[in-house]
Protein backbone atom coordinates (compact mmCIF):
# COMPACT_ATOMS: atom_id res chain seq x y z
CA UNK A 1 0.00 0.00 0.00
CA UNK A 2 1.43 3.43 -0.92
CA UNK A 3 2.51 5.43 2.11
CA UNK A 4 0.15 8.38 1.51
CA UNK A 5 -2.82 5.98 1.28
CA UNK A 6 -1.74 4.33 4.54
CA UNK A 7 -1.64 7.71 6.31
CA UNK A 8 -5.07 8.71 4.96
CA UNK A 9 -6.57 5.41 6.20
CA UNK A 10 -4.75 5.75 9.51
CA UNK A 11 -6.01 9.30 10.06
CA UNK A 12 -9.58 8.41 9.09
CA UNK A 13 -9.52 5.45 11.48
CA UNK A 14 -8.13 7.57 14.32
CA UNK A 15 -10.80 10.23 13.80
CA UNK A 16 -13.49 7.54 14.03
CA UNK A 17 -11.95 6.13 17.22
CA UNK A 18 -11.65 9.58 18.80
CA UNK A 19 -15.32 10.29 17.99
CA UNK A 20 -16.37 6.92 19.47
CA UNK A 21 -14.54 7.53 22.74
CA UNK A 22 -15.61 11.17 22.94
CA UNK A 23 -19.21 9.97 22.70
CA UNK A 24 -18.68 7.16 25.22
CA UNK A 25 -16.74 9.18 27.82
CA UNK A 26 -19.59 9.85 30.25
CA UNK A 27 -20.68 6.19 30.42
CA UNK A 28 -17.29 4.51 29.98
CA UNK A 29 -16.70 3.76 33.67
CA UNK A 30 -20.14 2.21 34.08
CA UNK A 31 -19.66 0.03 31.00
CA UNK A 32 -16.06 -1.09 31.53
CA UNK A 33 -15.02 -0.68 35.19
CA UNK A 34 -15.36 -4.32 36.26
CA UNK A 35 -13.67 -5.72 33.14
CA UNK A 36 -10.75 -3.30 33.39
CA UNK A 37 -10.39 -3.71 37.18
CA UNK A 38 -10.02 -7.49 36.75
CA UNK A 39 -7.15 -6.88 34.32
CA UNK A 40 -5.47 -4.58 36.85
CA UNK A 41 -5.71 -7.23 39.57
CA UNK A 42 -4.12 -9.80 37.25
CA UNK A 43 -1.43 -7.31 36.23
CA UNK A 44 -0.52 -6.67 39.85
CA UNK A 45 0.00 -10.40 40.38
CA UNK A 46 2.48 -10.35 37.50
CA UNK A 47 4.58 -7.29 38.45
CA UNK A 48 5.74 -5.42 41.52
CA UNK A 49 4.48 -1.86 41.85
CA UNK A 50 7.02 0.36 43.56
CA UNK A 51 6.08 3.53 45.45
CA UNK A 52 9.02 5.30 43.77
CA UNK A 53 7.84 4.53 40.22
CA UNK A 54 6.96 7.20 37.69
CA UNK A 55 4.43 5.52 35.38
CA UNK A 56 2.76 6.20 32.05
CA UNK A 57 -0.76 5.01 31.20
CA UNK A 58 -1.11 5.07 27.40
CA UNK A 59 -4.74 5.21 26.36
CA UNK A 60 -5.71 6.24 29.90
CA UNK A 61 -9.30 7.11 28.98
CA UNK A 62 -11.22 8.27 32.05
CA UNK A 63 -8.39 7.29 34.40
CA UNK A 64 -9.52 3.91 35.71
CA UNK A 65 -5.95 2.58 35.91
CA UNK A 66 -4.69 5.89 37.30
CA UNK A 67 -7.19 5.59 40.15
CA UNK A 68 -6.04 2.00 40.76
CA UNK A 69 -2.36 3.03 40.85
CA UNK A 70 -2.79 6.32 42.72
CA UNK A 71 -1.60 5.16 46.15
CA UNK A 72 0.80 2.53 44.84
CA UNK A 73 3.26 4.60 42.77
CA UNK A 74 4.97 8.00 42.98
CA UNK A 75 3.68 9.73 39.84
CA UNK A 76 1.38 8.86 36.94
CA UNK A 77 1.05 10.45 33.52
CA UNK A 78 -2.08 9.56 31.58
CA UNK A 79 -2.02 9.98 27.79
CA UNK A 80 -5.04 9.70 25.54
CA UNK A 81 -6.23 11.23 22.29
CA UNK A 82 -9.88 11.56 23.31
CA UNK A 83 -10.38 15.02 24.78
CA UNK A 84 -13.70 14.04 26.38
CA UNK A 85 -12.13 11.04 28.13
CA UNK A 86 -9.37 13.29 29.46
CA UNK A 87 -11.91 15.86 30.65
CA UNK A 88 -13.64 13.15 32.68
CA UNK A 89 -10.27 12.00 34.07
CA UNK A 90 -9.37 15.58 34.93
CA UNK A 91 -12.54 15.94 37.01
CA UNK A 92 -11.45 12.85 38.98
CA UNK A 93 -7.87 13.96 39.59
CA UNK A 94 -8.13 17.74 39.56
CA UNK A 95 -6.61 18.05 43.05
CA UNK A 96 -4.03 15.26 42.73
CA UNK A 97 -0.49 16.60 42.38
CA UNK A 98 0.89 13.18 41.43
CA UNK A 99 -1.24 12.88 38.26
CA UNK A 100 -0.62 14.63 34.95
CA UNK A 101 -2.92 14.21 31.94
CA UNK A 102 -1.73 14.73 28.37
CA UNK A 103 -3.65 14.86 25.09
CA UNK A 104 -1.44 12.75 22.82
CA UNK A 105 -1.35 10.18 20.05
CA UNK A 106 0.50 7.14 21.41
CA UNK A 107 2.17 6.71 18.01
CA UNK A 108 4.07 9.93 18.79
CA UNK A 109 4.49 10.24 22.55
CA UNK A 110 5.64 13.72 23.70
CA UNK A 111 8.10 12.41 26.31
CA UNK A 112 11.87 12.14 26.40
CA UNK A 113 13.58 8.76 26.16
CA UNK A 114 13.77 6.58 29.28
CA UNK A 115 11.27 8.69 31.25
CA UNK A 116 9.17 6.04 33.00
CA UNK A 117 9.80 3.03 35.23
CA UNK A 118 6.63 1.41 33.94
CA UNK A 119 4.39 1.91 30.92
CA UNK A 120 0.86 0.52 30.84
CA UNK A 121 -1.52 0.16 27.92
CA UNK A 122 -4.76 -1.72 28.38
CA UNK A 123 -6.86 -2.64 25.34
CA UNK A 124 -5.18 -0.13 23.03
CA UNK A 125 -2.77 -2.15 20.85
CA UNK A 126 -4.91 -3.89 18.24
CA UNK A 127 -2.83 -4.52 15.14
CA UNK A 128 -4.81 -2.11 12.96
CA UNK A 129 -2.71 1.04 13.19
CA UNK A 130 0.99 0.21 13.23
CA UNK A 131 1.28 -1.68 16.50
CA UNK A 132 5.05 -2.03 16.02
CA UNK A 133 5.36 1.78 15.98
CA UNK A 134 3.23 2.07 19.13
CA UNK A 135 5.26 -0.55 21.00
CA UNK A 136 8.52 1.06 19.86
CA UNK A 137 7.27 4.32 21.36
CA UNK A 138 6.58 2.50 24.63
CA UNK A 139 10.08 1.01 24.41
CA UNK A 140 11.57 4.45 23.80
CA UNK A 141 9.98 6.09 26.86
CA UNK A 142 10.41 3.23 29.36
CA UNK A 143 13.67 3.16 31.34
CA UNK A 144 16.35 0.52 30.87
CA UNK A 145 15.09 -2.60 32.71
CA UNK A 146 11.71 -0.90 33.04
CA UNK A 147 8.53 -2.85 32.39
CA UNK A 148 5.72 -2.35 29.92
CA UNK A 149 2.39 -4.05 30.50
CA UNK A 150 -0.04 -4.41 27.62
CA UNK A 151 -3.39 -6.07 27.25
CA UNK A 152 -4.67 -6.92 23.79
CA UNK A 153 -8.12 -8.13 22.88
CA UNK A 154 -7.97 -11.81 21.96
CA UNK A 155 -10.24 -11.15 18.98
CA UNK A 156 -7.89 -8.44 17.63
CA UNK A 157 -4.71 -10.47 17.08
CA UNK A 158 -3.52 -14.05 17.16
CA UNK A 159 -0.90 -14.88 19.78
CA UNK A 160 1.69 -15.58 17.06
CA UNK A 161 1.04 -12.24 15.32
CA UNK A 162 1.18 -10.42 18.65
CA UNK A 163 4.47 -12.09 19.62
CA UNK A 164 5.91 -11.14 16.22
CA UNK A 165 4.91 -7.49 16.78
CA UNK A 166 6.46 -7.56 20.27
CA UNK A 167 9.73 -9.01 18.90
CA UNK A 168 9.92 -6.35 16.16
CA UNK A 169 9.45 -3.64 18.76
CA UNK A 170 12.60 -4.78 20.63
CA UNK A 171 10.87 -6.00 23.77
CA UNK A 172 11.42 -9.26 25.59
CA UNK A 173 8.37 -11.04 26.99
CA UNK A 174 8.87 -11.52 30.75
CA UNK A 175 5.41 -12.89 31.63
CA UNK A 176 2.23 -13.61 29.78
CA UNK A 177 -1.34 -14.61 30.51
CA UNK A 178 -2.84 -16.09 27.36
CA UNK A 179 -5.49 -18.51 28.51
CA UNK A 180 -7.40 -16.81 31.32
CA UNK A 181 -11.00 -17.77 30.44
CA UNK A 182 -12.44 -14.84 32.42
CA UNK A 183 -10.59 -12.27 30.31
CA UNK A 184 -11.21 -11.06 26.77
CA UNK A 185 -7.56 -10.00 26.64
CA UNK A 186 -4.07 -11.41 26.47
CA UNK A 187 -1.82 -9.79 29.05
CA UNK A 188 1.91 -9.36 28.53
CA UNK A 189 4.69 -8.00 30.73
CA UNK A 190 7.52 -6.78 28.50
CA UNK A 191 11.05 -5.62 29.25
CA UNK A 192 13.21 -3.34 27.17
CA UNK A 193 16.08 -5.25 25.52
C-alpha atoms as a PDB file:
ATOM      1  CA  UNK A   1       0.000   0.000   0.000  1.00  0.00           C
ATOM      2  CA  UNK A   2       1.428   3.426  -0.917  1.00  0.00           C
ATOM      3  CA  UNK A   3       2.511   5.432   2.114  1.00  0.00           C
ATOM      4  CA  UNK A   4       0.151   8.378   1.515  1.00  0.00           C
ATOM      5  CA  UNK A   5      -2.820   5.984   1.282  1.00  0.00           C
ATOM      6  CA  UNK A   6      -1.736   4.328   4.544  1.00  0.00           C
ATOM      7  CA  UNK A   7      -1.637   7.711   6.311  1.00  0.00           C
ATOM      8  CA  UNK A   8      -5.066   8.708   4.965  1.00  0.00           C
ATOM      9  CA  UNK A   9      -6.566   5.414   6.198  1.00  0.00           C
ATOM     10  CA  UNK A  10      -4.753   5.746   9.509  1.00  0.00           C
ATOM     11  CA  UNK A  11      -6.012   9.304  10.064  1.00  0.00           C
ATOM     12  CA  UNK A  12      -9.584   8.406   9.085  1.00  0.00           C
ATOM     13  CA  UNK A  13      -9.523   5.453  11.484  1.00  0.00           C
ATOM     14  CA  UNK A  14      -8.127   7.568  14.323  1.00  0.00           C
ATOM     15  CA  UNK A  15     -10.798  10.229  13.796  1.00  0.00           C
ATOM     16  CA  UNK A  16     -13.492   7.544  14.034  1.00  0.00           C
ATOM     17  CA  UNK A  17     -11.949   6.127  17.221  1.00  0.00           C
ATOM     18  CA  UNK A  18     -11.653   9.576  18.799  1.00  0.00           C
ATOM     19  CA  UNK A  19     -15.316  10.294  17.991  1.00  0.00           C
ATOM     20  CA  UNK A  20     -16.367   6.922  19.472  1.00  0.00           C
ATOM     21  CA  UNK A  21     -14.535   7.526  22.737  1.00  0.00           C
ATOM     22  CA  UNK A  22     -15.608  11.167  22.944  1.00  0.00           C
ATOM     23  CA  UNK A  23     -19.215   9.974  22.698  1.00  0.00           C
ATOM     24  CA  UNK A  24     -18.677   7.164  25.219  1.00  0.00           C
ATOM     25  CA  UNK A  25     -16.744   9.183  27.824  1.00  0.00           C
ATOM     26  CA  UNK A  26     -19.593   9.851  30.253  1.00  0.00           C
ATOM     27  CA  UNK A  27     -20.684   6.192  30.418  1.00  0.00           C
ATOM     28  CA  UNK A  28     -17.288   4.512  29.978  1.00  0.00           C
ATOM     29  CA  UNK A  29     -16.699   3.764  33.674  1.00  0.00           C
ATOM     30  CA  UNK A  30     -20.138   2.207  34.081  1.00  0.00           C
ATOM     31  CA  UNK A  31     -19.657   0.034  30.997  1.00  0.00           C
ATOM     32  CA  UNK A  32     -16.059  -1.093  31.532  1.00  0.00           C
ATOM     33  CA  UNK A  33     -15.024  -0.677  35.187  1.00  0.00           C
ATOM     34  CA  UNK A  34     -15.363  -4.321  36.261  1.00  0.00           C
ATOM     35  CA  UNK A  35     -13.672  -5.721  33.138  1.00  0.00           C
ATOM     36  CA  UNK A  36     -10.748  -3.297  33.386  1.00  0.00           C
ATOM     37  CA  UNK A  37     -10.394  -3.709  37.175  1.00  0.00           C
ATOM     38  CA  UNK A  38     -10.018  -7.487  36.754  1.00  0.00           C
ATOM     39  CA  UNK A  39      -7.146  -6.882  34.323  1.00  0.00           C
ATOM     40  CA  UNK A  40      -5.470  -4.578  36.854  1.00  0.00           C
ATOM     41  CA  UNK A  41      -5.708  -7.234  39.566  1.00  0.00           C
ATOM     42  CA  UNK A  42      -4.123  -9.797  37.246  1.00  0.00           C
ATOM     43  CA  UNK A  43      -1.426  -7.309  36.232  1.00  0.00           C
ATOM     44  CA  UNK A  44      -0.524  -6.665  39.854  1.00  0.00           C
ATOM     45  CA  UNK A  45      -0.005 -10.398  40.383  1.00  0.00           C
ATOM     46  CA  UNK A  46       2.476 -10.348  37.501  1.00  0.00           C
ATOM     47  CA  UNK A  47       4.583  -7.288  38.447  1.00  0.00           C
ATOM     48  CA  UNK A  48       5.742  -5.424  41.521  1.00  0.00           C
ATOM     49  CA  UNK A  49       4.478  -1.859  41.848  1.00  0.00           C
ATOM     50  CA  UNK A  50       7.021   0.364  43.559  1.00  0.00           C
ATOM     51  CA  UNK A  51       6.077   3.526  45.445  1.00  0.00           C
ATOM     52  CA  UNK A  52       9.023   5.298  43.770  1.00  0.00           C
ATOM     53  CA  UNK A  53       7.836   4.526  40.221  1.00  0.00           C
ATOM     54  CA  UNK A  54       6.963   7.198  37.689  1.00  0.00           C
ATOM     55  CA  UNK A  55       4.434   5.519  35.385  1.00  0.00           C
ATOM     56  CA  UNK A  56       2.757   6.198  32.049  1.00  0.00           C
ATOM     57  CA  UNK A  57      -0.757   5.009  31.201  1.00  0.00           C
ATOM     58  CA  UNK A  58      -1.114   5.068  27.402  1.00  0.00           C
ATOM     59  CA  UNK A  59      -4.736   5.214  26.363  1.00  0.00           C
ATOM     60  CA  UNK A  60      -5.712   6.238  29.901  1.00  0.00           C
ATOM     61  CA  UNK A  61      -9.297   7.105  28.977  1.00  0.00           C
ATOM     62  CA  UNK A  62     -11.217   8.267  32.054  1.00  0.00           C
ATOM     63  CA  UNK A  63      -8.394   7.291  34.398  1.00  0.00           C
ATOM     64  CA  UNK A  64      -9.522   3.907  35.713  1.00  0.00           C
ATOM     65  CA  UNK A  65      -5.954   2.581  35.909  1.00  0.00           C
ATOM     66  CA  UNK A  66      -4.689   5.886  37.299  1.00  0.00           C
ATOM     67  CA  UNK A  67      -7.193   5.589  40.151  1.00  0.00           C
ATOM     68  CA  UNK A  68      -6.043   1.999  40.762  1.00  0.00           C
ATOM     69  CA  UNK A  69      -2.361   3.033  40.847  1.00  0.00           C
ATOM     70  CA  UNK A  70      -2.791   6.319  42.718  1.00  0.00           C
ATOM     71  CA  UNK A  71      -1.603   5.164  46.152  1.00  0.00           C
ATOM     72  CA  UNK A  72       0.801   2.530  44.843  1.00  0.00           C
ATOM     73  CA  UNK A  73       3.265   4.596  42.774  1.00  0.00           C
ATOM     74  CA  UNK A  74       4.966   8.001  42.984  1.00  0.00           C
ATOM     75  CA  UNK A  75       3.680   9.732  39.844  1.00  0.00           C
ATOM     76  CA  UNK A  76       1.384   8.863  36.940  1.00  0.00           C
ATOM     77  CA  UNK A  77       1.049  10.446  33.518  1.00  0.00           C
ATOM     78  CA  UNK A  78      -2.078   9.558  31.582  1.00  0.00           C
ATOM     79  CA  UNK A  79      -2.015   9.982  27.795  1.00  0.00           C
ATOM     80  CA  UNK A  80      -5.041   9.697  25.541  1.00  0.00           C
ATOM     81  CA  UNK A  81      -6.225  11.226  22.291  1.00  0.00           C
ATOM     82  CA  UNK A  82      -9.878  11.563  23.312  1.00  0.00           C
ATOM     83  CA  UNK A  83     -10.380  15.019  24.778  1.00  0.00           C
ATOM     84  CA  UNK A  84     -13.702  14.043  26.378  1.00  0.00           C
ATOM     85  CA  UNK A  85     -12.133  11.044  28.125  1.00  0.00           C
ATOM     86  CA  UNK A  86      -9.366  13.287  29.459  1.00  0.00           C
ATOM     87  CA  UNK A  87     -11.913  15.862  30.646  1.00  0.00           C
ATOM     88  CA  UNK A  88     -13.639  13.153  32.681  1.00  0.00           C
ATOM     89  CA  UNK A  89     -10.272  11.997  34.066  1.00  0.00           C
ATOM     90  CA  UNK A  90      -9.369  15.584  34.932  1.00  0.00           C
ATOM     91  CA  UNK A  91     -12.537  15.938  37.010  1.00  0.00           C
ATOM     92  CA  UNK A  92     -11.454  12.850  38.979  1.00  0.00           C
ATOM     93  CA  UNK A  93      -7.866  13.959  39.588  1.00  0.00           C
ATOM     94  CA  UNK A  94      -8.125  17.745  39.564  1.00  0.00           C
ATOM     95  CA  UNK A  95      -6.606  18.053  43.052  1.00  0.00           C
ATOM     96  CA  UNK A  96      -4.031  15.263  42.729  1.00  0.00           C
ATOM     97  CA  UNK A  97      -0.487  16.600  42.382  1.00  0.00           C
ATOM     98  CA  UNK A  98       0.889  13.176  41.426  1.00  0.00           C
ATOM     99  CA  UNK A  99      -1.244  12.879  38.258  1.00  0.00           C
ATOM    100  CA  UNK A 100      -0.621  14.626  34.955  1.00  0.00           C
ATOM    101  CA  UNK A 101      -2.915  14.209  31.937  1.00  0.00           C
ATOM    102  CA  UNK A 102      -1.726  14.732  28.367  1.00  0.00           C
ATOM    103  CA  UNK A 103      -3.648  14.856  25.094  1.00  0.00           C
ATOM    104  CA  UNK A 104      -1.441  12.745  22.819  1.00  0.00           C
ATOM    105  CA  UNK A 105      -1.349  10.182  20.045  1.00  0.00           C
ATOM    106  CA  UNK A 106       0.495   7.140  21.411  1.00  0.00           C
ATOM    107  CA  UNK A 107       2.170   6.710  18.013  1.00  0.00           C
ATOM    108  CA  UNK A 108       4.072   9.934  18.786  1.00  0.00           C
ATOM    109  CA  UNK A 109       4.492  10.241  22.550  1.00  0.00           C
ATOM    110  CA  UNK A 110       5.639  13.718  23.704  1.00  0.00           C
ATOM    111  CA  UNK A 111       8.099  12.415  26.315  1.00  0.00           C
ATOM    112  CA  UNK A 112      11.866  12.139  26.395  1.00  0.00           C
ATOM    113  CA  UNK A 113      13.576   8.764  26.165  1.00  0.00           C
ATOM    114  CA  UNK A 114      13.772   6.580  29.275  1.00  0.00           C
ATOM    115  CA  UNK A 115      11.266   8.690  31.249  1.00  0.00           C
ATOM    116  CA  UNK A 116       9.170   6.044  33.005  1.00  0.00           C
ATOM    117  CA  UNK A 117       9.803   3.032  35.232  1.00  0.00           C
ATOM    118  CA  UNK A 118       6.627   1.408  33.940  1.00  0.00           C
ATOM    119  CA  UNK A 119       4.392   1.911  30.922  1.00  0.00           C
ATOM    120  CA  UNK A 120       0.858   0.519  30.837  1.00  0.00           C
ATOM    121  CA  UNK A 121      -1.517   0.162  27.922  1.00  0.00           C
ATOM    122  CA  UNK A 122      -4.761  -1.716  28.376  1.00  0.00           C
ATOM    123  CA  UNK A 123      -6.861  -2.640  25.345  1.00  0.00           C
ATOM    124  CA  UNK A 124      -5.184  -0.125  23.031  1.00  0.00           C
ATOM    125  CA  UNK A 125      -2.774  -2.153  20.854  1.00  0.00           C
ATOM    126  CA  UNK A 126      -4.912  -3.889  18.243  1.00  0.00           C
ATOM    127  CA  UNK A 127      -2.830  -4.523  15.135  1.00  0.00           C
ATOM    128  CA  UNK A 128      -4.806  -2.113  12.956  1.00  0.00           C
ATOM    129  CA  UNK A 129      -2.710   1.039  13.189  1.00  0.00           C
ATOM    130  CA  UNK A 130       0.991   0.214  13.231  1.00  0.00           C
ATOM    131  CA  UNK A 131       1.278  -1.681  16.498  1.00  0.00           C
ATOM    132  CA  UNK A 132       5.047  -2.033  16.018  1.00  0.00           C
ATOM    133  CA  UNK A 133       5.364   1.782  15.979  1.00  0.00           C
ATOM    134  CA  UNK A 134       3.229   2.066  19.129  1.00  0.00           C
ATOM    135  CA  UNK A 135       5.265  -0.550  21.001  1.00  0.00           C
ATOM    136  CA  UNK A 136       8.518   1.057  19.863  1.00  0.00           C
ATOM    137  CA  UNK A 137       7.268   4.322  21.359  1.00  0.00           C
ATOM    138  CA  UNK A 138       6.581   2.498  24.626  1.00  0.00           C
ATOM    139  CA  UNK A 139      10.082   1.013  24.411  1.00  0.00           C
ATOM    140  CA  UNK A 140      11.569   4.453  23.803  1.00  0.00           C
ATOM    141  CA  UNK A 141       9.978   6.090  26.864  1.00  0.00           C
ATOM    142  CA  UNK A 142      10.411   3.228  29.362  1.00  0.00           C
ATOM    143  CA  UNK A 143      13.667   3.162  31.340  1.00  0.00           C
ATOM    144  CA  UNK A 144      16.347   0.518  30.874  1.00  0.00           C
ATOM    145  CA  UNK A 145      15.089  -2.600  32.709  1.00  0.00           C
ATOM    146  CA  UNK A 146      11.708  -0.902  33.040  1.00  0.00           C
ATOM    147  CA  UNK A 147       8.526  -2.846  32.386  1.00  0.00           C
ATOM    148  CA  UNK A 148       5.720  -2.349  29.916  1.00  0.00           C
ATOM    149  CA  UNK A 149       2.389  -4.052  30.505  1.00  0.00           C
ATOM    150  CA  UNK A 150      -0.043  -4.411  27.619  1.00  0.00           C
ATOM    151  CA  UNK A 151      -3.394  -6.066  27.253  1.00  0.00           C
ATOM    152  CA  UNK A 152      -4.666  -6.922  23.789  1.00  0.00           C
ATOM    153  CA  UNK A 153      -8.123  -8.132  22.878  1.00  0.00           C
ATOM    154  CA  UNK A 154      -7.974 -11.815  21.958  1.00  0.00           C
ATOM    155  CA  UNK A 155     -10.244 -11.147  18.982  1.00  0.00           C
ATOM    156  CA  UNK A 156      -7.892  -8.441  17.625  1.00  0.00           C
ATOM    157  CA  UNK A 157      -4.711 -10.468  17.077  1.00  0.00           C
ATOM    158  CA  UNK A 158      -3.523 -14.048  17.156  1.00  0.00           C
ATOM    159  CA  UNK A 159      -0.897 -14.878  19.778  1.00  0.00           C
ATOM    160  CA  UNK A 160       1.693 -15.580  17.059  1.00  0.00           C
ATOM    161  CA  UNK A 161       1.045 -12.243  15.319  1.00  0.00           C
ATOM    162  CA  UNK A 162       1.184 -10.425  18.650  1.00  0.00           C
ATOM    163  CA  UNK A 163       4.473 -12.094  19.617  1.00  0.00           C
ATOM    164  CA  UNK A 164       5.910 -11.144  16.220  1.00  0.00           C
ATOM    165  CA  UNK A 165       4.912  -7.495  16.785  1.00  0.00           C
ATOM    166  CA  UNK A 166       6.465  -7.564  20.267  1.00  0.00           C
ATOM    167  CA  UNK A 167       9.727  -9.011  18.904  1.00  0.00           C
ATOM    168  CA  UNK A 168       9.919  -6.355  16.160  1.00  0.00           C
ATOM    169  CA  UNK A 169       9.450  -3.645  18.760  1.00  0.00           C
ATOM    170  CA  UNK A 170      12.599  -4.778  20.630  1.00  0.00           C
ATOM    171  CA  UNK A 171      10.866  -6.001  23.773  1.00  0.00           C
ATOM    172  CA  UNK A 172      11.424  -9.263  25.587  1.00  0.00           C
ATOM    173  CA  UNK A 173       8.366 -11.036  26.989  1.00  0.00           C
ATOM    174  CA  UNK A 174       8.870 -11.520  30.746  1.00  0.00           C
ATOM    175  CA  UNK A 175       5.414 -12.890  31.628  1.00  0.00           C
ATOM    176  CA  UNK A 176       2.225 -13.611  29.778  1.00  0.00           C
ATOM    177  CA  UNK A 177      -1.341 -14.607  30.508  1.00  0.00           C
ATOM    178  CA  UNK A 178      -2.835 -16.091  27.364  1.00  0.00           C
ATOM    179  CA  UNK A 179      -5.485 -18.507  28.505  1.00  0.00           C
ATOM    180  CA  UNK A 180      -7.401 -16.810  31.316  1.00  0.00           C
ATOM    181  CA  UNK A 181     -11.004 -17.766  30.444  1.00  0.00           C
ATOM    182  CA  UNK A 182     -12.435 -14.835  32.415  1.00  0.00           C
ATOM    183  CA  UNK A 183     -10.589 -12.269  30.306  1.00  0.00           C
ATOM    184  CA  UNK A 184     -11.212 -11.061  26.768  1.00  0.00           C
ATOM    185  CA  UNK A 185      -7.556 -10.005  26.637  1.00  0.00           C
ATOM    186  CA  UNK A 186      -4.068 -11.408  26.465  1.00  0.00           C
ATOM    187  CA  UNK A 187      -1.821  -9.791  29.054  1.00  0.00           C
ATOM    188  CA  UNK A 188       1.914  -9.359  28.534  1.00  0.00           C
ATOM    189  CA  UNK A 189       4.691  -8.002  30.732  1.00  0.00           C
ATOM    190  CA  UNK A 190       7.516  -6.780  28.501  1.00  0.00           C
ATOM    191  CA  UNK A 191      11.048  -5.625  29.246  1.00  0.00           C
ATOM    192  CA  UNK A 192      13.213  -3.341  27.173  1.00  0.00           C
ATOM    193  CA  UNK A 193      16.080  -5.255  25.524  1.00  0.00           C
END
